[in-house]
Amino acid sequence: MATAPEKLIREMLASRLGVTFETARLKVDDWGYADGWSILPSQMWLVVEMEAQQKHPTTNVLKYWPYLEGHEDQKILLAHCFFPGSPGLDSSRGKLAGWLGARLERIFDGRFFYQRLVVTETGEPSEGFRELQERLKGTS
């Protein structure tokens, strides 16, 4: 990859969605950090989690559960990004990450939205991008 995966994805999403990503890291309380984030006009956060080498992609979804319980006014749209060679793309753990995302959408109805993206090594979206665009329209 010519550039860091997180930077590649942030640049692609910023360009294609017309959003600006914050330069400061987003600390998700004591649960970790996001790979990228943008504050949308609706005050919802578009949060990016990148799975380039991670074998346990569930942790990048699960950390938003306690965060949202502690921040009842916060709304998050999680773009969970994978590359074709990501270890968690088609594994049972990757499938569990999608299941967790859907479950959290039900638990935090109207406050949490999950979208899985698959992005080529050159930063072109190959799966889930249209759905992300639709989610952005529906959350404004």
N, C-alpha and C. Protein backbone atom coordinates (compact mmCIF):
# COMPACT_ATOMS: atom_id res chain seq x y z
N MET A 1 0.84 -1.17 0.00
CA MET A 1 0.00 0.00 0.00
C MET A 1 0.88 1.24 0.00
N ALA A 2 0.52 2.20 -0.80
CA ALA A 2 1.34 3.40 -0.95
C ALA A 2 1.28 4.29 0.28
N THR A 3 0.21 4.22 1.01
CA THR A 3 0.03 5.08 2.18
C THR A 3 -0.59 4.25 3.30
N ALA A 4 -0.60 4.77 4.51
CA ALA A 4 -1.18 4.05 5.64
C ALA A 4 -2.66 3.78 5.35
N PRO A 5 -3.14 2.58 5.70
CA PRO A 5 -4.54 2.24 5.40
C PRO A 5 -5.54 3.24 5.97
N GLU A 6 -5.31 3.71 7.20
CA GLU A 6 -6.25 4.65 7.81
C GLU A 6 -6.32 5.94 7.01
N LYS A 7 -5.16 6.44 6.60
CA LYS A 7 -5.11 7.69 5.83
C LYS A 7 -5.78 7.50 4.47
N LEU A 8 -5.51 6.38 3.82
CA LEU A 8 -6.10 6.07 2.52
C LEU A 8 -7.62 6.09 2.60
N ILE A 9 -8.16 5.44 3.60
CA ILE A 9 -9.62 5.36 3.75
C ILE A 9 -10.20 6.72 4.10
N ARG A 10 -9.57 7.44 5.02
CA ARG A 10 -10.07 8.78 5.37
C ARG A 10 -10.09 9.69 4.14
N GLU A 11 -9.04 9.66 3.35
CA GLU A 11 -8.98 10.51 2.15
C GLU A 11 -10.06 10.13 1.15
N MET A 12 -10.27 8.83 0.93
CA MET A 12 -11.30 8.39 0.00
C MET A 12 -12.69 8.80 0.49
N LEU A 13 -12.98 8.56 1.76
CA LEU A 13 -14.29 8.91 2.30
C LEU A 13 -14.51 10.42 2.29
N ALA A 14 -13.49 11.18 2.65
CA ALA A 14 -13.61 12.65 2.65
C ALA A 14 -13.94 13.14 1.25
N SER A 15 -13.23 12.63 0.26
CA SER A 15 -13.43 13.04 -1.12
C SER A 15 -14.81 12.64 -1.65
N ARG A 16 -15.20 11.41 -1.42
CA ARG A 16 -16.44 10.89 -2.00
C ARG A 16 -17.69 11.30 -1.23
N LEU A 17 -17.54 11.57 0.06
CA LEU A 17 -18.71 11.93 0.88
C LEU A 17 -18.80 13.42 1.17
N GLY A 18 -17.72 14.15 0.90
CA GLY A 18 -17.72 15.59 1.18
C GLY A 18 -17.67 15.89 2.66
N VAL A 19 -16.94 15.07 3.41
CA VAL A 19 -16.80 15.31 4.85
C VAL A 19 -15.35 15.66 5.15
N THR A 20 -15.13 16.25 6.31
CA THR A 20 -13.80 16.59 6.77
C THR A 20 -13.52 15.81 8.03
N PHE A 21 -12.42 15.07 8.03
CA PHE A 21 -12.07 14.30 9.21
C PHE A 21 -11.24 15.15 10.16
N GLU A 22 -11.51 14.97 11.44
CA GLU A 22 -10.79 15.69 12.48
C GLU A 22 -9.35 15.20 12.52
N THR A 23 -8.44 16.10 12.90
CA THR A 23 -7.03 15.71 12.98
C THR A 23 -6.69 15.09 14.33
N ALA A 24 -7.38 15.49 15.37
CA ALA A 24 -7.15 14.91 16.70
C ALA A 24 -7.75 13.52 16.76
N ARG A 25 -7.10 12.63 17.46
CA ARG A 25 -7.64 11.28 17.63
C ARG A 25 -8.88 11.31 18.51
N LEU A 26 -9.82 10.44 18.22
CA LEU A 26 -11.03 10.32 19.02
C LEU A 26 -10.83 9.21 20.02
N LYS A 27 -10.79 9.58 21.30
CA LYS A 27 -10.68 8.59 22.37
C LYS A 27 -12.09 8.13 22.73
N VAL A 28 -12.31 6.85 22.65
CA VAL A 28 -13.61 6.26 22.97
C VAL A 28 -13.57 5.86 24.44
N ASP A 29 -13.59 6.88 25.29
CA ASP A 29 -13.41 6.72 26.73
C ASP A 29 -12.20 5.82 26.98
N ASP A 30 -12.33 4.82 27.83
CA ASP A 30 -11.20 3.93 28.12
C ASP A 30 -11.19 2.70 27.21
N TRP A 31 -11.96 2.73 26.14
CA TRP A 31 -12.13 1.55 25.29
C TRP A 31 -11.24 1.58 24.05
N GLY A 32 -10.50 2.63 23.83
CA GLY A 32 -9.60 2.69 22.68
C GLY A 32 -9.80 3.97 21.90
N TYR A 33 -9.30 3.97 20.68
CA TYR A 33 -9.36 5.13 19.79
C TYR A 33 -9.99 4.72 18.46
N ALA A 34 -10.59 5.68 17.79
CA ALA A 34 -11.11 5.47 16.44
C ALA A 34 -10.00 5.74 15.44
N ASP A 35 -10.08 5.11 14.28
CA ASP A 35 -9.10 5.34 13.22
C ASP A 35 -9.37 6.63 12.46
N GLY A 36 -10.55 7.17 12.59
CA GLY A 36 -10.90 8.43 11.95
C GLY A 36 -12.30 8.83 12.38
N TRP A 37 -12.57 10.14 12.34
CA TRP A 37 -13.91 10.59 12.71
C TRP A 37 -14.19 11.97 12.14
N SER A 38 -15.46 12.18 11.88
CA SER A 38 -15.93 13.44 11.34
C SER A 38 -17.25 13.78 12.02
N ILE A 39 -17.45 15.03 12.29
CA ILE A 39 -18.73 15.47 12.85
C ILE A 39 -19.61 15.89 11.68
N LEU A 40 -20.73 15.20 11.52
CA LEU A 40 -21.66 15.48 10.43
C LEU A 40 -22.54 16.67 10.78
N PRO A 41 -23.18 17.30 9.78
CA PRO A 41 -24.05 18.45 10.07
C PRO A 41 -25.13 18.17 11.11
N SER A 42 -25.57 16.90 11.19
CA SER A 42 -26.60 16.52 12.17
C SER A 42 -26.02 16.36 13.58
N GLN A 43 -24.72 16.61 13.74
CA GLN A 43 -23.97 16.41 14.98
C GLN A 43 -23.69 14.95 15.29
N MET A 44 -24.10 14.06 14.39
CA MET A 44 -23.73 12.65 14.51
C MET A 44 -22.26 12.53 14.13
N TRP A 45 -21.59 11.56 14.71
CA TRP A 45 -20.21 11.29 14.35
C TRP A 45 -20.17 10.19 13.30
N LEU A 46 -19.41 10.41 12.23
CA LEU A 46 -19.05 9.36 11.30
C LEU A 46 -17.70 8.85 11.79
N VAL A 47 -17.67 7.61 12.26
CA VAL A 47 -16.46 7.03 12.83
C VAL A 47 -15.98 5.92 11.91
N VAL A 48 -14.67 5.90 11.66
CA VAL A 48 -14.06 4.89 10.80
C VAL A 48 -13.21 3.95 11.65
N GLU A 49 -13.44 2.68 11.48
CA GLU A 49 -12.59 1.65 12.08
C GLU A 49 -12.03 0.81 10.95
N MET A 50 -10.73 0.63 10.94
CA MET A 50 -10.01 -0.02 9.86
C MET A 50 -9.53 -1.40 10.29
N GLU A 51 -9.77 -2.37 9.44
CA GLU A 51 -9.33 -3.74 9.70
C GLU A 51 -8.32 -4.17 8.64
N ALA A 52 -7.09 -3.68 8.76
CA ALA A 52 -6.05 -4.07 7.81
C ALA A 52 -5.37 -5.36 8.26
N GLN A 53 -5.04 -5.47 9.54
CA GLN A 53 -4.33 -6.63 10.08
C GLN A 53 -5.07 -7.31 11.23
N GLN A 54 -6.09 -6.66 11.74
CA GLN A 54 -6.82 -7.13 12.93
C GLN A 54 -7.47 -8.49 12.69
N LYS A 55 -7.24 -9.41 13.60
CA LYS A 55 -7.88 -10.72 13.53
C LYS A 55 -9.16 -10.78 14.37
N HIS A 56 -9.39 -9.74 15.15
CA HIS A 56 -10.57 -9.68 16.02
C HIS A 56 -11.34 -8.39 15.75
N PRO A 57 -11.99 -8.28 14.60
CA PRO A 57 -12.68 -7.03 14.26
C PRO A 57 -13.86 -6.71 15.18
N THR A 58 -14.29 -7.68 15.96
CA THR A 58 -15.41 -7.43 16.87
C THR A 58 -15.08 -6.34 17.89
N THR A 59 -13.82 -6.27 18.31
CA THR A 59 -13.47 -5.28 19.34
C THR A 59 -13.67 -3.85 18.84
N ASN A 60 -13.50 -3.62 17.53
CA ASN A 60 -13.69 -2.28 16.99
C ASN A 60 -15.16 -1.90 16.88
N VAL A 61 -16.05 -2.85 17.01
CA VAL A 61 -17.48 -2.57 17.06
C VAL A 61 -17.92 -2.50 18.52
N LEU A 62 -17.49 -3.48 19.27
CA LEU A 62 -17.94 -3.64 20.66
C LEU A 62 -17.60 -2.46 21.55
N LYS A 63 -16.50 -1.77 21.30
CA LYS A 63 -16.10 -0.65 22.17
C LYS A 63 -17.11 0.49 22.18
N TYR A 64 -18.00 0.54 21.16
CA TYR A 64 -19.00 1.62 21.13
C TYR A 64 -20.19 1.34 22.02
N TRP A 65 -20.39 0.10 22.46
CA TRP A 65 -21.50 -0.22 23.35
C TRP A 65 -21.36 0.50 24.68
N PRO A 66 -20.28 0.28 25.44
CA PRO A 66 -20.19 1.01 26.71
C PRO A 66 -20.07 2.51 26.52
N TYR A 67 -19.46 2.93 25.41
CA TYR A 67 -19.36 4.36 25.15
C TYR A 67 -20.74 4.99 25.00
N LEU A 68 -21.60 4.38 24.21
CA LEU A 68 -22.94 4.92 24.01
C LEU A 68 -23.79 4.84 25.27
N GLU A 69 -23.58 3.83 26.09
CA GLU A 69 -24.31 3.76 27.36
C GLU A 69 -23.93 4.93 28.26
N GLY A 70 -22.69 5.35 28.18
CA GLY A 70 -22.22 6.46 29.02
C GLY A 70 -22.43 7.84 28.43
N HIS A 71 -22.83 7.90 27.16
CA HIS A 71 -23.02 9.18 26.46
C HIS A 71 -24.37 9.14 25.74
N GLU A 72 -25.43 9.32 26.49
CA GLU A 72 -26.78 9.13 25.98
C GLU A 72 -27.20 10.12 24.91
N ASP A 73 -26.46 11.22 24.77
CA ASP A 73 -26.80 12.21 23.74
C ASP A 73 -26.02 11.99 22.44
N GLN A 74 -25.11 11.03 22.41
CA GLN A 74 -24.25 10.81 21.25
C GLN A 74 -24.88 9.88 20.23
N LYS A 75 -24.68 10.21 18.94
CA LYS A 75 -25.09 9.36 17.82
C LYS A 75 -23.86 9.05 16.98
N ILE A 76 -23.74 7.80 16.55
CA ILE A 76 -22.55 7.36 15.81
C ILE A 76 -22.96 6.53 14.60
N LEU A 77 -22.35 6.84 13.47
CA LEU A 77 -22.41 6.00 12.28
C LEU A 77 -21.03 5.40 12.11
N LEU A 78 -20.92 4.10 12.30
CA LEU A 78 -19.64 3.41 12.23
C LEU A 78 -19.43 2.83 10.84
N ALA A 79 -18.39 3.29 10.15
CA ALA A 79 -17.97 2.72 8.87
C ALA A 79 -16.84 1.75 9.19
N HIS A 80 -17.15 0.47 9.14
CA HIS A 80 -16.20 -0.59 9.50
C HIS A 80 -15.55 -1.09 8.22
N CYS A 81 -14.29 -0.71 8.00
CA CYS A 81 -13.62 -0.91 6.72
C CYS A 81 -12.66 -2.09 6.72
N PHE A 82 -12.78 -2.89 5.68
CA PHE A 82 -11.92 -4.05 5.46
C PHE A 82 -11.27 -3.93 4.08
N PHE A 83 -10.12 -4.57 3.91
CA PHE A 83 -9.49 -4.75 2.61
C PHE A 83 -9.72 -6.19 2.18
N PRO A 84 -9.58 -6.51 0.88
CA PRO A 84 -9.78 -7.90 0.45
C PRO A 84 -8.90 -8.90 1.20
N GLY A 85 -7.72 -8.52 1.64
CA GLY A 85 -6.84 -9.42 2.36
C GLY A 85 -6.92 -9.33 3.87
N SER A 86 -7.87 -8.58 4.40
CA SER A 86 -8.00 -8.44 5.85
C SER A 86 -8.32 -9.79 6.47
N PRO A 87 -7.60 -10.18 7.54
CA PRO A 87 -7.86 -11.48 8.17
C PRO A 87 -9.30 -11.65 8.63
N GLY A 88 -9.97 -10.60 9.04
CA GLY A 88 -11.32 -10.71 9.56
C GLY A 88 -12.42 -10.56 8.53
N LEU A 89 -12.06 -10.40 7.26
CA LEU A 89 -13.08 -10.12 6.23
C LEU A 89 -14.15 -11.20 6.15
N ASP A 90 -13.75 -12.43 5.98
CA ASP A 90 -14.71 -13.52 5.81
C ASP A 90 -14.67 -14.55 6.92
N SER A 91 -13.98 -14.22 7.99
CA SER A 91 -13.87 -15.17 9.10
C SER A 91 -15.13 -15.13 9.96
N SER A 92 -15.24 -16.09 10.85
CA SER A 92 -16.37 -16.09 11.78
C SER A 92 -16.34 -14.83 12.64
N ARG A 93 -15.15 -14.34 12.98
CA ARG A 93 -15.05 -13.12 13.77
C ARG A 93 -15.50 -11.90 12.98
N GLY A 94 -15.23 -11.89 11.69
CA GLY A 94 -15.72 -10.81 10.85
C GLY A 94 -17.23 -10.82 10.74
N LYS A 95 -17.79 -12.01 10.60
CA LYS A 95 -19.25 -12.14 10.55
C LYS A 95 -19.87 -11.73 11.89
N LEU A 96 -19.19 -12.08 12.97
CA LEU A 96 -19.68 -11.68 14.29
C LEU A 96 -19.65 -10.16 14.45
N ALA A 97 -18.67 -9.49 13.87
CA ALA A 97 -18.62 -8.02 13.92
C ALA A 97 -19.86 -7.43 13.26
N GLY A 98 -20.25 -7.97 12.11
CA GLY A 98 -21.47 -7.50 11.44
C GLY A 98 -22.72 -7.77 12.26
N TRP A 99 -22.76 -8.94 12.88
CA TRP A 99 -23.89 -9.27 13.74
C TRP A 99 -23.97 -8.30 14.92
N LEU A 100 -22.81 -8.03 15.54
CA LEU A 100 -22.77 -7.08 16.65
C LEU A 100 -23.24 -5.69 16.21
N GLY A 101 -22.79 -5.27 15.02
CA GLY A 101 -23.22 -3.97 14.51
C GLY A 101 -24.73 -3.89 14.38
N ALA A 102 -25.33 -4.95 13.81
CA ALA A 102 -26.79 -4.98 13.66
C ALA A 102 -27.48 -5.01 15.02
N ARG A 103 -26.93 -5.74 15.94
CA ARG A 103 -27.51 -5.83 17.29
C ARG A 103 -27.45 -4.47 17.99
N LEU A 104 -26.32 -3.80 17.88
CA LEU A 104 -26.19 -2.48 18.50
C LEU A 104 -27.13 -1.46 17.87
N GLU A 105 -27.39 -1.61 16.58
CA GLU A 105 -28.38 -0.73 15.94
C GLU A 105 -29.74 -0.89 16.60
N ARG A 106 -30.10 -2.12 16.96
CA ARG A 106 -31.39 -2.34 17.62
C ARG A 106 -31.37 -1.83 19.06
N ILE A 107 -30.27 -2.07 19.76
CA ILE A 107 -30.18 -1.64 21.16
C ILE A 107 -30.19 -0.12 21.26
N PHE A 108 -29.42 0.52 20.39
CA PHE A 108 -29.31 1.99 20.40
C PHE A 108 -30.06 2.57 19.20
N ASP A 109 -31.31 2.22 19.10
CA ASP A 109 -32.17 2.61 17.98
C ASP A 109 -32.10 4.13 17.72
N GLY A 110 -31.65 4.48 16.53
CA GLY A 110 -31.55 5.89 16.16
C GLY A 110 -30.30 6.59 16.66
N ARG A 111 -29.44 5.85 17.40
CA ARG A 111 -28.20 6.45 17.94
C ARG A 111 -26.95 5.77 17.43
N PHE A 112 -27.09 4.56 16.90
CA PHE A 112 -25.93 3.82 16.39
C PHE A 112 -26.32 3.20 15.06
N PHE A 113 -25.43 3.37 14.08
CA PHE A 113 -25.63 2.82 12.75
C PHE A 113 -24.33 2.16 12.33
N TYR A 114 -24.43 0.99 11.72
CA TYR A 114 -23.25 0.20 11.35
C TYR A 114 -23.26 -0.04 9.85
N GLN A 115 -22.11 0.22 9.22
CA GLN A 115 -21.97 -0.12 7.81
C GLN A 115 -20.61 -0.73 7.55
N ARG A 116 -20.62 -1.93 7.05
CA ARG A 116 -19.38 -2.62 6.66
C ARG A 116 -19.00 -2.16 5.26
N LEU A 117 -17.72 -1.83 5.08
CA LEU A 117 -17.19 -1.45 3.77
C LEU A 117 -16.03 -2.38 3.43
N VAL A 118 -15.91 -2.72 2.17
CA VAL A 118 -14.72 -3.39 1.67
C VAL A 118 -14.10 -2.44 0.66
N VAL A 119 -12.80 -2.19 0.83
CA VAL A 119 -12.10 -1.20 0.02
C VAL A 119 -10.88 -1.88 -0.60
N THR A 120 -10.63 -1.63 -1.89
CA THR A 120 -9.47 -2.22 -2.55
C THR A 120 -8.18 -1.65 -1.96
N GLU A 121 -7.08 -2.29 -2.27
CA GLU A 121 -5.77 -1.86 -1.78
C GLU A 121 -5.42 -0.45 -2.25
N THR A 122 -6.06 0.01 -3.33
CA THR A 122 -5.80 1.36 -3.84
C THR A 122 -6.81 2.38 -3.31
N GLY A 123 -7.71 1.94 -2.45
CA GLY A 123 -8.65 2.87 -1.82
C GLY A 123 -9.97 3.03 -2.54
N GLU A 124 -10.30 2.15 -3.46
CA GLU A 124 -11.59 2.21 -4.15
C GLU A 124 -12.60 1.33 -3.43
N PRO A 125 -13.78 1.86 -3.12
CA PRO A 125 -14.78 1.02 -2.43
C PRO A 125 -15.29 -0.08 -3.37
N SER A 126 -15.41 -1.29 -2.83
CA SER A 126 -15.93 -2.39 -3.64
C SER A 126 -17.19 -3.01 -3.03
N GLU A 127 -17.48 -2.69 -1.79
CA GLU A 127 -18.69 -3.23 -1.14
C GLU A 127 -19.14 -2.27 -0.04
N GLY A 128 -20.43 -1.97 -0.01
CA GLY A 128 -21.01 -1.23 1.10
C GLY A 128 -21.01 0.28 0.98
N PHE A 129 -20.40 0.83 -0.07
CA PHE A 129 -20.30 2.29 -0.15
C PHE A 129 -21.65 2.95 -0.43
N ARG A 130 -22.41 2.39 -1.36
CA ARG A 130 -23.74 2.98 -1.64
C ARG A 130 -24.62 2.94 -0.41
N GLU A 131 -24.53 1.85 0.34
CA GLU A 131 -25.32 1.74 1.57
C GLU A 131 -24.88 2.80 2.59
N LEU A 132 -23.57 3.06 2.65
CA LEU A 132 -23.09 4.12 3.54
C LEU A 132 -23.65 5.47 3.12
N GLN A 133 -23.65 5.76 1.83
CA GLN A 133 -24.22 7.01 1.34
C GLN A 133 -25.70 7.11 1.72
N GLU A 134 -26.44 6.02 1.58
CA GLU A 134 -27.86 6.02 1.94
C GLU A 134 -28.05 6.25 3.45
N ARG A 135 -27.20 5.64 4.25
CA ARG A 135 -27.28 5.84 5.69
C ARG A 135 -27.01 7.28 6.05
N LEU A 136 -26.05 7.90 5.36
CA LEU A 136 -25.76 9.31 5.63
C LEU A 136 -26.95 10.17 5.29
N LYS A 137 -27.63 9.89 4.20
CA LYS A 137 -28.83 10.64 3.83
C LYS A 137 -29.93 10.45 4.90
N GLY A 138 -30.06 9.23 5.38
CA GLY A 138 -31.13 8.91 6.33
C GLY A 138 -30.88 9.41 7.74
N THR A 139 -29.64 9.83 8.04
CA THR A 139 -29.34 10.26 9.40
C THR A 139 -29.18 11.78 9.53
N SER A 140 -29.42 12.49 8.44
CA SER A 140 -29.24 13.95 8.51
C SER A 140 -30.47 14.66 9.03
